[in-house]
């Protein structure tokens, strides 16, 4: 069984069946070209709110800025599956996350290649869910609920712009927003 058949997948049929229906993988017409193609980072995060519509932020031990729960997708893991896994790992809650709010392209910067950041609606937590939040001590030091404006000084500028797009998307029933480095296109 390949890794692809065990990956979390929300299609109406199992991933292995969808892969079988695709037929044999396309061959490389020029040997080695697939290894030379760009590979982008992909991440999924969730806007999770309390009863006052404040956003849940986590404080990582490995960087000086606040983040929302979420993280990088693993090989052959969808952005949504990565978001659900990371939320579960980071705050200890298995939430129903599904509505896409924003897709944001992030350019190469320093050692980090470019990537696509997906932000989903993580819904609202009740008091008992908030009380049961458990952080991994080797990754996060704290969590807090803040308005976006309160959090902006503690966010990277691009994250602040991306979250503003996501908050705008929360209030409408239209399609997800698309951004480039947090700026709507």
N, C-alpha and C. Protein backbone atom coordinates (compact mmCIF):
# COMPACT_ATOMS: atom_id res chain seq x y z
N UNK A 1 0.85 -1.19 0.00
CA UNK A 1 0.00 0.00 0.00
C UNK A 1 0.89 1.24 0.00
N UNK A 2 0.64 2.17 -0.89
CA UNK A 2 1.45 3.38 -0.95
C UNK A 2 0.98 4.38 0.09
N UNK A 3 1.83 5.37 0.36
CA UNK A 3 1.47 6.43 1.31
C UNK A 3 0.21 7.15 0.87
N UNK A 4 0.02 7.29 -0.44
CA UNK A 4 -1.14 8.01 -0.96
C UNK A 4 -2.45 7.36 -0.55
N UNK A 5 -2.47 6.05 -0.40
CA UNK A 5 -3.72 5.38 -0.06
C UNK A 5 -4.03 5.48 1.43
N UNK A 6 -3.08 5.93 2.22
CA UNK A 6 -3.33 6.06 3.66
C UNK A 6 -3.50 7.52 4.07
N UNK A 7 -3.34 8.42 3.14
CA UNK A 7 -3.46 9.84 3.44
C UNK A 7 -4.91 10.20 3.74
N UNK A 8 -5.10 11.15 4.67
CA UNK A 8 -6.44 11.63 4.97
C UNK A 8 -7.00 12.31 3.74
N UNK A 9 -8.21 11.94 3.37
CA UNK A 9 -8.80 12.39 2.12
C UNK A 9 -10.30 12.45 2.32
N UNK A 10 -10.93 13.56 1.94
CA UNK A 10 -12.36 13.73 2.19
C UNK A 10 -13.21 13.54 0.94
N UNK A 11 -12.70 12.86 -0.05
CA UNK A 11 -13.49 12.62 -1.25
C UNK A 11 -14.65 11.67 -0.95
N UNK A 12 -15.64 11.57 -1.87
CA UNK A 12 -16.79 10.70 -1.65
C UNK A 12 -16.43 9.21 -1.72
N UNK A 13 -15.27 8.90 -2.28
CA UNK A 13 -14.76 7.52 -2.32
C UNK A 13 -13.34 7.53 -1.78
N UNK A 14 -12.83 6.37 -1.37
CA UNK A 14 -11.45 6.34 -0.85
C UNK A 14 -10.43 6.83 -1.89
N UNK A 15 -9.37 7.43 -1.40
CA UNK A 15 -8.32 7.96 -2.28
C UNK A 15 -7.77 6.87 -3.19
N UNK A 16 -7.57 5.67 -2.66
CA UNK A 16 -7.00 4.60 -3.50
C UNK A 16 -7.89 4.31 -4.70
N UNK A 17 -9.22 4.40 -4.52
CA UNK A 17 -10.13 4.17 -5.64
C UNK A 17 -10.05 5.30 -6.66
N UNK A 18 -9.96 6.54 -6.19
CA UNK A 18 -9.80 7.66 -7.11
C UNK A 18 -8.49 7.56 -7.88
N UNK A 19 -7.41 7.13 -7.22
CA UNK A 19 -6.12 6.97 -7.90
C UNK A 19 -6.20 5.86 -8.95
N UNK A 20 -6.87 4.76 -8.63
CA UNK A 20 -7.04 3.68 -9.60
C UNK A 20 -7.82 4.17 -10.82
N UNK A 21 -8.84 4.98 -10.60
CA UNK A 21 -9.65 5.50 -11.71
C UNK A 21 -8.84 6.41 -12.63
N UNK A 22 -7.79 7.04 -12.10
CA UNK A 22 -6.93 7.91 -12.92
C UNK A 22 -6.14 7.11 -13.94
N UNK A 23 -5.93 5.83 -13.69
CA UNK A 23 -5.13 5.01 -14.58
C UNK A 23 -3.66 5.10 -14.21
N UNK A 24 -2.83 4.56 -15.06
CA UNK A 24 -1.38 4.58 -14.81
C UNK A 24 -0.88 6.02 -14.76
N UNK A 25 0.05 6.29 -13.85
CA UNK A 25 0.61 7.65 -13.80
C UNK A 25 1.27 8.00 -15.13
N UNK A 26 1.18 9.28 -15.48
CA UNK A 26 1.80 9.76 -16.71
C UNK A 26 3.30 9.56 -16.64
N UNK A 27 3.88 9.08 -17.74
CA UNK A 27 5.33 8.89 -17.80
C UNK A 27 6.02 10.23 -18.04
N UNK A 28 7.27 10.29 -17.62
CA UNK A 28 8.08 11.47 -17.94
C UNK A 28 8.50 11.34 -19.41
N UNK A 29 8.29 12.39 -20.17
CA UNK A 29 8.72 12.36 -21.56
C UNK A 29 10.20 12.67 -21.67
N UNK A 30 10.73 13.37 -20.68
CA UNK A 30 12.16 13.65 -20.61
C UNK A 30 12.62 13.22 -19.22
N UNK A 31 13.40 12.17 -19.17
CA UNK A 31 13.81 11.58 -17.89
C UNK A 31 14.39 12.63 -16.95
N UNK A 32 13.95 12.61 -15.70
CA UNK A 32 14.48 13.49 -14.67
C UNK A 32 13.78 14.83 -14.55
N UNK A 33 12.86 15.14 -15.46
CA UNK A 33 12.24 16.46 -15.42
C UNK A 33 11.41 16.65 -14.15
N UNK A 34 10.75 15.62 -13.66
CA UNK A 34 9.91 15.76 -12.47
C UNK A 34 10.73 16.19 -11.26
N UNK A 35 11.97 15.71 -11.18
CA UNK A 35 12.83 16.09 -10.05
C UNK A 35 13.31 17.54 -10.16
N UNK A 36 13.25 18.11 -11.36
CA UNK A 36 13.72 19.50 -11.54
C UNK A 36 12.59 20.53 -11.38
N UNK A 37 11.36 20.07 -11.28
CA UNK A 37 10.25 21.00 -11.14
C UNK A 37 10.19 21.58 -9.74
N UNK A 38 9.68 22.79 -9.64
CA UNK A 38 9.56 23.47 -8.34
C UNK A 38 8.64 22.70 -7.41
N UNK A 39 8.96 22.76 -6.15
CA UNK A 39 8.10 22.18 -5.10
C UNK A 39 7.77 23.30 -4.13
N UNK A 40 6.51 23.54 -3.92
CA UNK A 40 6.08 24.63 -3.05
C UNK A 40 5.75 24.08 -1.66
N UNK A 41 6.00 24.95 -0.65
CA UNK A 41 5.49 24.65 0.68
C UNK A 41 3.99 24.85 0.63
N UNK A 42 3.26 24.04 1.36
CA UNK A 42 1.81 24.17 1.47
C UNK A 42 1.47 24.06 2.95
N UNK A 43 0.63 24.96 3.42
CA UNK A 43 0.22 24.93 4.83
C UNK A 43 -1.27 25.19 4.94
N UNK A 44 -1.84 24.68 6.01
CA UNK A 44 -3.25 24.91 6.31
C UNK A 44 -3.39 25.39 7.74
N UNK A 45 -4.14 26.45 7.93
CA UNK A 45 -4.39 26.99 9.26
C UNK A 45 -5.87 27.29 9.43
N UNK A 46 -6.28 27.48 10.69
CA UNK A 46 -7.69 27.71 10.97
C UNK A 46 -7.90 28.95 11.81
N UNK A 47 -8.92 29.72 11.43
CA UNK A 47 -9.40 30.80 12.29
C UNK A 47 -10.44 30.17 13.21
N UNK A 48 -10.10 30.10 14.49
CA UNK A 48 -10.96 29.52 15.51
C UNK A 48 -11.32 30.65 16.46
N UNK A 49 -12.61 30.79 16.78
CA UNK A 49 -13.05 31.93 17.57
C UNK A 49 -13.75 31.52 18.86
N UNK A 50 -13.78 32.46 19.78
CA UNK A 50 -14.55 32.27 21.02
C UNK A 50 -15.93 32.91 20.84
N UNK A 51 -16.74 32.93 21.92
CA UNK A 51 -18.10 33.47 21.84
C UNK A 51 -18.13 34.96 21.49
N UNK A 52 -17.03 35.68 21.74
CA UNK A 52 -16.96 37.12 21.43
C UNK A 52 -16.34 37.38 20.05
N UNK A 53 -16.18 36.32 19.25
CA UNK A 53 -15.58 36.39 17.90
C UNK A 53 -14.11 36.78 17.91
N UNK A 54 -13.44 36.63 19.05
CA UNK A 54 -12.00 36.84 19.08
C UNK A 54 -11.33 35.59 18.51
N UNK A 55 -10.16 35.78 17.91
CA UNK A 55 -9.45 34.71 17.22
C UNK A 55 -8.48 34.03 18.18
N UNK A 56 -8.39 32.71 18.09
CA UNK A 56 -7.42 31.95 18.87
C UNK A 56 -6.04 32.06 18.23
N UNK A 57 -5.09 32.57 19.01
CA UNK A 57 -3.69 32.64 18.58
C UNK A 57 -2.85 31.77 19.49
N UNK A 58 -1.81 31.18 18.93
CA UNK A 58 -0.86 30.38 19.71
C UNK A 58 0.50 31.03 19.62
N UNK A 59 1.29 30.82 20.68
CA UNK A 59 2.64 31.39 20.75
C UNK A 59 3.66 30.27 20.64
N UNK A 60 4.32 30.15 19.47
CA UNK A 60 5.32 29.10 19.28
C UNK A 60 6.60 29.39 20.08
N UNK A 61 7.30 28.33 20.47
CA UNK A 61 8.57 28.52 21.18
C UNK A 61 9.71 28.81 20.21
N UNK A 62 9.50 28.55 18.92
CA UNK A 62 10.57 28.63 17.93
C UNK A 62 10.54 29.88 17.05
N UNK A 63 9.62 30.81 17.32
CA UNK A 63 9.59 32.07 16.56
C UNK A 63 8.94 33.15 17.40
N UNK A 64 9.26 34.42 17.11
CA UNK A 64 8.80 35.52 17.97
C UNK A 64 7.41 36.06 17.67
N UNK A 65 6.71 35.49 16.72
CA UNK A 65 5.39 36.01 16.33
C UNK A 65 4.29 35.03 16.68
N UNK A 66 3.09 35.57 16.92
CA UNK A 66 1.92 34.72 17.13
C UNK A 66 1.54 34.05 15.82
N UNK A 67 0.86 32.93 15.93
CA UNK A 67 0.35 32.18 14.78
C UNK A 67 -1.08 31.75 15.08
N UNK A 68 -1.78 31.29 14.07
CA UNK A 68 -3.04 30.60 14.27
C UNK A 68 -2.73 29.11 14.26
N UNK A 69 -3.59 28.28 14.86
CA UNK A 69 -3.33 26.84 14.80
C UNK A 69 -3.28 26.37 13.35
N UNK A 70 -2.30 25.54 13.06
CA UNK A 70 -2.13 25.01 11.72
C UNK A 70 -0.67 24.74 11.46
N UNK A 71 -0.35 24.35 10.24
CA UNK A 71 1.05 24.09 9.92
C UNK A 71 1.21 23.51 8.53
N UNK A 72 2.44 23.11 8.26
CA UNK A 72 2.80 22.61 6.94
C UNK A 72 2.19 21.25 6.65
N UNK A 73 1.80 21.07 5.41
CA UNK A 73 1.30 19.77 4.95
C UNK A 73 2.48 18.83 4.77
N UNK A 74 2.26 17.59 5.12
CA UNK A 74 3.27 16.56 4.89
C UNK A 74 3.15 16.07 3.45
N UNK A 75 4.09 15.26 3.02
CA UNK A 75 4.05 14.70 1.67
C UNK A 75 2.72 14.00 1.44
N UNK A 76 2.07 14.35 0.35
CA UNK A 76 0.82 13.75 -0.09
C UNK A 76 -0.32 13.96 0.90
N UNK A 77 -0.28 15.06 1.64
CA UNK A 77 -1.35 15.43 2.56
C UNK A 77 -2.00 16.71 2.05
N UNK A 78 -3.31 16.74 2.00
CA UNK A 78 -4.00 17.93 1.50
C UNK A 78 -3.88 19.07 2.51
N UNK A 79 -4.05 20.32 2.06
CA UNK A 79 -4.03 21.44 3.00
C UNK A 79 -5.09 21.31 4.09
N UNK A 80 -6.29 20.81 3.74
CA UNK A 80 -7.34 20.64 4.73
C UNK A 80 -6.97 19.57 5.75
N UNK A 81 -6.45 18.45 5.27
CA UNK A 81 -6.03 17.38 6.19
C UNK A 81 -4.89 17.87 7.10
N UNK A 82 -3.96 18.65 6.54
CA UNK A 82 -2.87 19.21 7.35
C UNK A 82 -3.42 20.13 8.42
N UNK A 83 -4.38 20.96 8.05
CA UNK A 83 -4.99 21.88 9.01
C UNK A 83 -5.65 21.10 10.15
N UNK A 84 -6.45 20.12 9.83
CA UNK A 84 -7.14 19.32 10.85
C UNK A 84 -6.13 18.61 11.76
N UNK A 85 -5.10 18.02 11.17
CA UNK A 85 -4.07 17.32 11.95
C UNK A 85 -3.34 18.29 12.86
N UNK A 86 -2.92 19.42 12.31
CA UNK A 86 -2.16 20.39 13.10
C UNK A 86 -3.00 20.99 14.23
N UNK A 87 -4.28 21.28 13.97
CA UNK A 87 -5.16 21.79 15.03
C UNK A 87 -5.25 20.75 16.15
N UNK A 88 -5.45 19.50 15.79
CA UNK A 88 -5.53 18.43 16.79
C UNK A 88 -4.23 18.33 17.59
N UNK A 89 -3.08 18.40 16.89
CA UNK A 89 -1.78 18.30 17.56
C UNK A 89 -1.49 19.53 18.43
N UNK A 90 -1.89 20.71 17.96
CA UNK A 90 -1.50 21.94 18.65
C UNK A 90 -2.42 22.33 19.80
N UNK A 91 -3.71 22.06 19.68
CA UNK A 91 -4.60 22.47 20.78
C UNK A 91 -5.38 21.29 21.37
N UNK A 92 -5.19 20.10 20.83
CA UNK A 92 -5.80 18.91 21.41
C UNK A 92 -7.29 18.76 21.14
N UNK A 93 -7.83 19.46 20.16
CA UNK A 93 -9.25 19.37 19.83
C UNK A 93 -9.43 18.86 18.41
N UNK A 94 -10.39 17.98 18.24
CA UNK A 94 -10.71 17.45 16.92
C UNK A 94 -11.93 18.22 16.41
N UNK A 95 -11.67 19.28 15.64
CA UNK A 95 -12.73 20.18 15.20
C UNK A 95 -13.20 19.86 13.79
N UNK A 96 -14.43 20.23 13.50
CA UNK A 96 -14.96 20.11 12.16
C UNK A 96 -14.55 21.36 11.38
N UNK A 97 -13.56 21.20 10.53
CA UNK A 97 -13.01 22.32 9.76
C UNK A 97 -13.26 22.03 8.29
N UNK A 98 -13.90 22.95 7.60
CA UNK A 98 -14.11 22.65 6.19
C UNK A 98 -14.17 23.85 5.25
N UNK A 99 -14.72 24.97 5.65
CA UNK A 99 -14.89 26.09 4.72
C UNK A 99 -13.57 26.82 4.48
N UNK A 100 -13.16 26.85 3.23
CA UNK A 100 -11.95 27.58 2.84
C UNK A 100 -12.25 29.06 2.80
N UNK A 101 -11.40 29.86 3.45
CA UNK A 101 -11.57 31.31 3.48
C UNK A 101 -10.60 32.03 2.56
N UNK A 102 -9.34 31.59 2.56
CA UNK A 102 -8.29 32.29 1.81
C UNK A 102 -7.25 31.29 1.29
N UNK A 103 -6.79 31.55 0.08
CA UNK A 103 -5.56 30.94 -0.44
C UNK A 103 -4.62 32.10 -0.68
N UNK A 104 -3.42 32.03 -0.08
CA UNK A 104 -2.48 33.13 -0.17
C UNK A 104 -1.11 32.60 -0.60
N UNK A 105 -0.58 33.19 -1.68
CA UNK A 105 0.75 32.84 -2.13
C UNK A 105 1.76 33.67 -1.35
N UNK A 106 2.82 33.00 -0.88
CA UNK A 106 3.89 33.65 -0.12
C UNK A 106 5.19 33.50 -0.93
N UNK A 107 5.90 34.59 -1.21
CA UNK A 107 7.12 34.50 -2.01
C UNK A 107 8.29 33.90 -1.24
N UNK A 108 9.29 33.49 -1.99
CA UNK A 108 10.54 33.02 -1.38
C UNK A 108 11.10 34.14 -0.52
N UNK A 109 11.62 33.77 0.66
CA UNK A 109 12.18 34.78 1.56
C UNK A 109 13.23 34.09 2.43
N UNK A 110 14.46 34.50 2.28
CA UNK A 110 15.54 33.87 3.05
C UNK A 110 15.69 32.40 2.65
N UNK A 111 15.74 31.53 3.65
CA UNK A 111 15.92 30.10 3.37
C UNK A 111 14.60 29.43 2.96
N UNK A 112 13.50 30.14 3.09
CA UNK A 112 12.20 29.54 2.82
C UNK A 112 11.77 29.77 1.37
N UNK A 113 11.44 28.69 0.68
CA UNK A 113 10.92 28.80 -0.68
C UNK A 113 9.51 29.35 -0.66
N UNK A 114 8.97 29.62 -1.83
CA UNK A 114 7.61 30.15 -1.89
C UNK A 114 6.61 29.07 -1.49
N UNK A 115 5.39 29.51 -1.22
CA UNK A 115 4.40 28.54 -0.77
C UNK A 115 2.98 29.05 -0.91
N UNK A 116 2.06 28.16 -0.65
CA UNK A 116 0.64 28.46 -0.66
C UNK A 116 0.09 28.21 0.73
N UNK A 117 -0.56 29.23 1.28
CA UNK A 117 -1.12 29.15 2.62
C UNK A 117 -2.65 29.13 2.48
N UNK A 118 -3.27 28.13 3.07
CA UNK A 118 -4.72 27.96 3.04
C UNK A 118 -5.26 28.24 4.44
N UNK A 119 -6.26 29.10 4.54
CA UNK A 119 -6.88 29.37 5.84
C UNK A 119 -8.34 28.94 5.77
N UNK A 120 -8.72 28.15 6.77
CA UNK A 120 -10.06 27.58 6.85
C UNK A 120 -10.80 28.16 8.06
N UNK A 121 -12.12 28.03 8.03
CA UNK A 121 -12.96 28.44 9.15
C UNK A 121 -13.00 27.30 10.17
N UNK A 122 -12.45 27.54 11.36
CA UNK A 122 -12.45 26.54 12.41
C UNK A 122 -13.64 26.65 13.35
N UNK A 123 -14.53 27.58 13.10
CA UNK A 123 -15.74 27.71 13.89
C UNK A 123 -15.51 28.36 15.25
N UNK A 124 -16.49 28.21 16.11
CA UNK A 124 -16.46 28.79 17.46
C UNK A 124 -16.27 27.69 18.50
N UNK A 125 -15.52 28.01 19.55
CA UNK A 125 -15.34 27.10 20.68
C UNK A 125 -16.24 27.54 21.82
N UNK A 126 -16.82 26.57 22.52
CA UNK A 126 -17.57 26.91 23.73
C UNK A 126 -16.62 26.87 24.93
N UNK A 127 -17.12 27.25 26.07
CA UNK A 127 -16.26 27.35 27.28
C UNK A 127 -15.62 26.01 27.64
N UNK A 128 -16.35 24.90 27.49
CA UNK A 128 -15.76 23.60 27.84
C UNK A 128 -14.64 23.21 26.87
N UNK A 129 -14.80 23.54 25.60
CA UNK A 129 -13.73 23.27 24.63
C UNK A 129 -12.50 24.12 24.94
N UNK A 130 -12.72 25.38 25.27
CA UNK A 130 -11.59 26.26 25.60
C UNK A 130 -10.86 25.72 26.83
N UNK A 131 -11.61 25.27 27.82
CA UNK A 131 -11.01 24.73 29.05
C UNK A 131 -10.22 23.45 28.78
N UNK A 132 -10.56 22.74 27.71
CA UNK A 132 -9.87 21.47 27.44
C UNK A 132 -8.70 21.62 26.46
N UNK A 133 -8.37 22.84 26.06
CA UNK A 133 -7.22 23.05 25.17
C UNK A 133 -5.95 22.58 25.88
N UNK A 134 -5.18 21.76 25.18
CA UNK A 134 -3.90 21.26 25.69
C UNK A 134 -2.83 21.54 24.63
N UNK A 135 -1.81 22.28 25.02
CA UNK A 135 -0.74 22.65 24.10
C UNK A 135 0.43 21.68 24.22
N UNK A 136 1.09 21.37 23.10
CA UNK A 136 2.32 20.57 23.18
C UNK A 136 3.45 21.42 23.76
N UNK A 137 3.99 21.03 24.90
CA UNK A 137 4.98 21.85 25.61
C UNK A 137 6.27 22.03 24.82
N UNK A 138 6.54 21.14 23.88
CA UNK A 138 7.76 21.26 23.08
C UNK A 138 7.59 22.14 21.85
N UNK A 139 6.38 22.71 21.68
CA UNK A 139 6.11 23.52 20.49
C UNK A 139 5.48 24.88 20.80
N UNK A 140 4.53 24.91 21.74
CA UNK A 140 3.79 26.13 22.02
C UNK A 140 3.86 26.49 23.50
N UNK A 141 3.96 27.80 23.78
CA UNK A 141 4.04 28.23 25.18
C UNK A 141 2.72 28.72 25.73
N UNK A 142 1.83 29.24 24.86
CA UNK A 142 0.57 29.76 25.36
C UNK A 142 -0.42 29.93 24.21
N UNK A 143 -1.65 30.22 24.60
CA UNK A 143 -2.67 30.60 23.61
C UNK A 143 -3.45 31.75 24.20
N UNK A 144 -4.06 32.52 23.32
CA UNK A 144 -4.89 33.63 23.75
C UNK A 144 -5.90 33.96 22.67
N UNK A 145 -7.01 34.52 23.09
CA UNK A 145 -8.02 35.00 22.16
C UNK A 145 -7.89 36.51 22.06
N UNK A 146 -7.72 36.99 20.83
CA UNK A 146 -7.54 38.42 20.58
C UNK A 146 -8.34 38.83 19.35
N UNK A 147 -8.72 40.09 19.29
CA UNK A 147 -9.24 40.61 18.04
C UNK A 147 -8.07 40.72 17.07
N UNK A 148 -8.35 40.80 15.81
CA UNK A 148 -7.27 40.94 14.84
C UNK A 148 -6.48 42.21 15.11
N UNK A 149 -7.16 43.30 15.41
CA UNK A 149 -6.46 44.57 15.68
C UNK A 149 -5.54 44.46 16.89
N UNK A 150 -5.97 43.75 17.94
CA UNK A 150 -5.12 43.54 19.11
C UNK A 150 -3.89 42.71 18.77
N UNK A 151 -4.06 41.75 17.87
CA UNK A 151 -2.97 40.83 17.53
C UNK A 151 -1.98 41.41 16.53
N UNK A 152 -2.38 42.37 15.72
CA UNK A 152 -1.52 42.87 14.63
C UNK A 152 -0.09 43.21 15.05
N UNK A 153 0.15 43.87 16.19
CA UNK A 153 1.54 44.17 16.56
C UNK A 153 2.38 42.92 16.85
N UNK A 154 1.72 41.78 17.07
CA UNK A 154 2.43 40.55 17.40
C UNK A 154 2.48 39.57 16.23
N UNK A 155 2.07 40.04 15.04
CA UNK A 155 2.05 39.21 13.84
C UNK A 155 3.03 39.75 12.81
N UNK A 156 3.53 38.86 11.95
CA UNK A 156 4.26 39.34 10.79
C UNK A 156 3.26 40.13 9.94
N UNK A 157 3.71 41.18 9.26
CA UNK A 157 2.78 41.98 8.44
C UNK A 157 1.99 41.15 7.44
N UNK A 158 2.64 40.20 6.77
CA UNK A 158 1.93 39.39 5.77
C UNK A 158 0.85 38.53 6.43
N UNK A 159 1.11 38.02 7.63
CA UNK A 159 0.10 37.22 8.34
C UNK A 159 -1.08 38.11 8.72
N UNK A 160 -0.81 39.32 9.17
CA UNK A 160 -1.89 40.24 9.49
C UNK A 160 -2.77 40.52 8.29
N UNK A 161 -2.14 40.74 7.13
CA UNK A 161 -2.91 40.98 5.91
C UNK A 161 -3.72 39.74 5.52
N UNK A 162 -3.10 38.56 5.63
CA UNK A 162 -3.77 37.30 5.28
C UNK A 162 -4.97 37.07 6.20
N UNK A 163 -4.79 37.31 7.49
CA UNK A 163 -5.90 37.12 8.42
C UNK A 163 -7.01 38.14 8.20
N UNK A 164 -6.66 39.34 7.80
CA UNK A 164 -7.69 40.33 7.49
C UNK A 164 -8.55 39.83 6.32
N UNK A 165 -7.90 39.28 5.29
CA UNK A 165 -8.65 38.70 4.17
C UNK A 165 -9.56 37.57 4.66
N UNK A 166 -9.03 36.73 5.53
CA UNK A 166 -9.83 35.61 6.05
C UNK A 166 -11.02 36.11 6.85
N UNK A 167 -10.82 37.13 7.67
CA UNK A 167 -11.93 37.69 8.45
C UNK A 167 -12.98 38.31 7.54
N UNK A 168 -12.56 38.94 6.46
CA UNK A 168 -13.52 39.49 5.49
C UNK A 168 -14.30 38.35 4.84
N UNK A 169 -13.63 37.26 4.57
CA UNK A 169 -14.26 36.10 3.94
C UNK A 169 -15.27 35.44 4.89
N UNK A 170 -14.99 35.49 6.19
CA UNK A 170 -15.92 34.92 7.17
C UNK A 170 -17.29 35.57 7.07
N UNK A 171 -17.32 36.85 6.78
CA UNK A 171 -18.57 37.60 6.78
C UNK A 171 -19.35 37.55 5.49
N UNK A 172 -18.89 36.78 4.52
CA UNK A 172 -19.62 36.73 3.26
C UNK A 172 -19.81 35.28 2.83
N UNK A 173 -20.77 35.08 1.96
CA UNK A 173 -21.05 33.71 1.51
C UNK A 173 -20.45 33.44 0.13
N UNK A 174 -19.63 34.34 -0.35
CA UNK A 174 -19.03 34.18 -1.67
C UNK A 174 -17.87 33.20 -1.66
N UNK A 175 -17.17 33.14 -2.77
CA UNK A 175 -16.03 32.23 -2.87
C UNK A 175 -14.89 32.68 -1.97
N UNK A 176 -13.92 31.78 -1.72
CA UNK A 176 -12.75 32.16 -0.92
C UNK A 176 -12.00 33.30 -1.60
N UNK A 177 -11.25 34.03 -0.82
CA UNK A 177 -10.43 35.12 -1.36
C UNK A 177 -9.07 34.55 -1.77
N UNK A 178 -8.46 35.20 -2.74
CA UNK A 178 -7.11 34.85 -3.17
C UNK A 178 -6.20 36.03 -2.88
N UNK A 179 -5.06 35.75 -2.27
CA UNK A 179 -4.10 36.81 -1.99
C UNK A 179 -2.71 36.44 -2.44
N UNK A 180 -1.89 37.46 -2.58
CA UNK A 180 -0.46 37.28 -2.83
C UNK A 180 0.26 38.07 -1.76
N UNK A 181 0.90 37.34 -0.86
CA UNK A 181 1.60 37.89 0.31
C UNK A 181 0.64 38.70 1.15
N UNK A 182 -0.60 38.21 1.24
CA UNK A 182 -1.62 38.82 2.08
C UNK A 182 -2.40 39.94 1.44
N UNK A 183 -2.07 40.26 0.19
CA UNK A 183 -2.79 41.35 -0.48
C UNK A 183 -3.76 40.74 -1.50
N UNK A 184 -5.03 41.11 -1.38
CA UNK A 184 -6.05 40.54 -2.27
C UNK A 184 -5.76 40.92 -3.72
N UNK A 185 -5.93 39.94 -4.57
CA UNK A 185 -5.71 40.13 -6.00
C UNK A 185 -7.04 40.09 -6.71
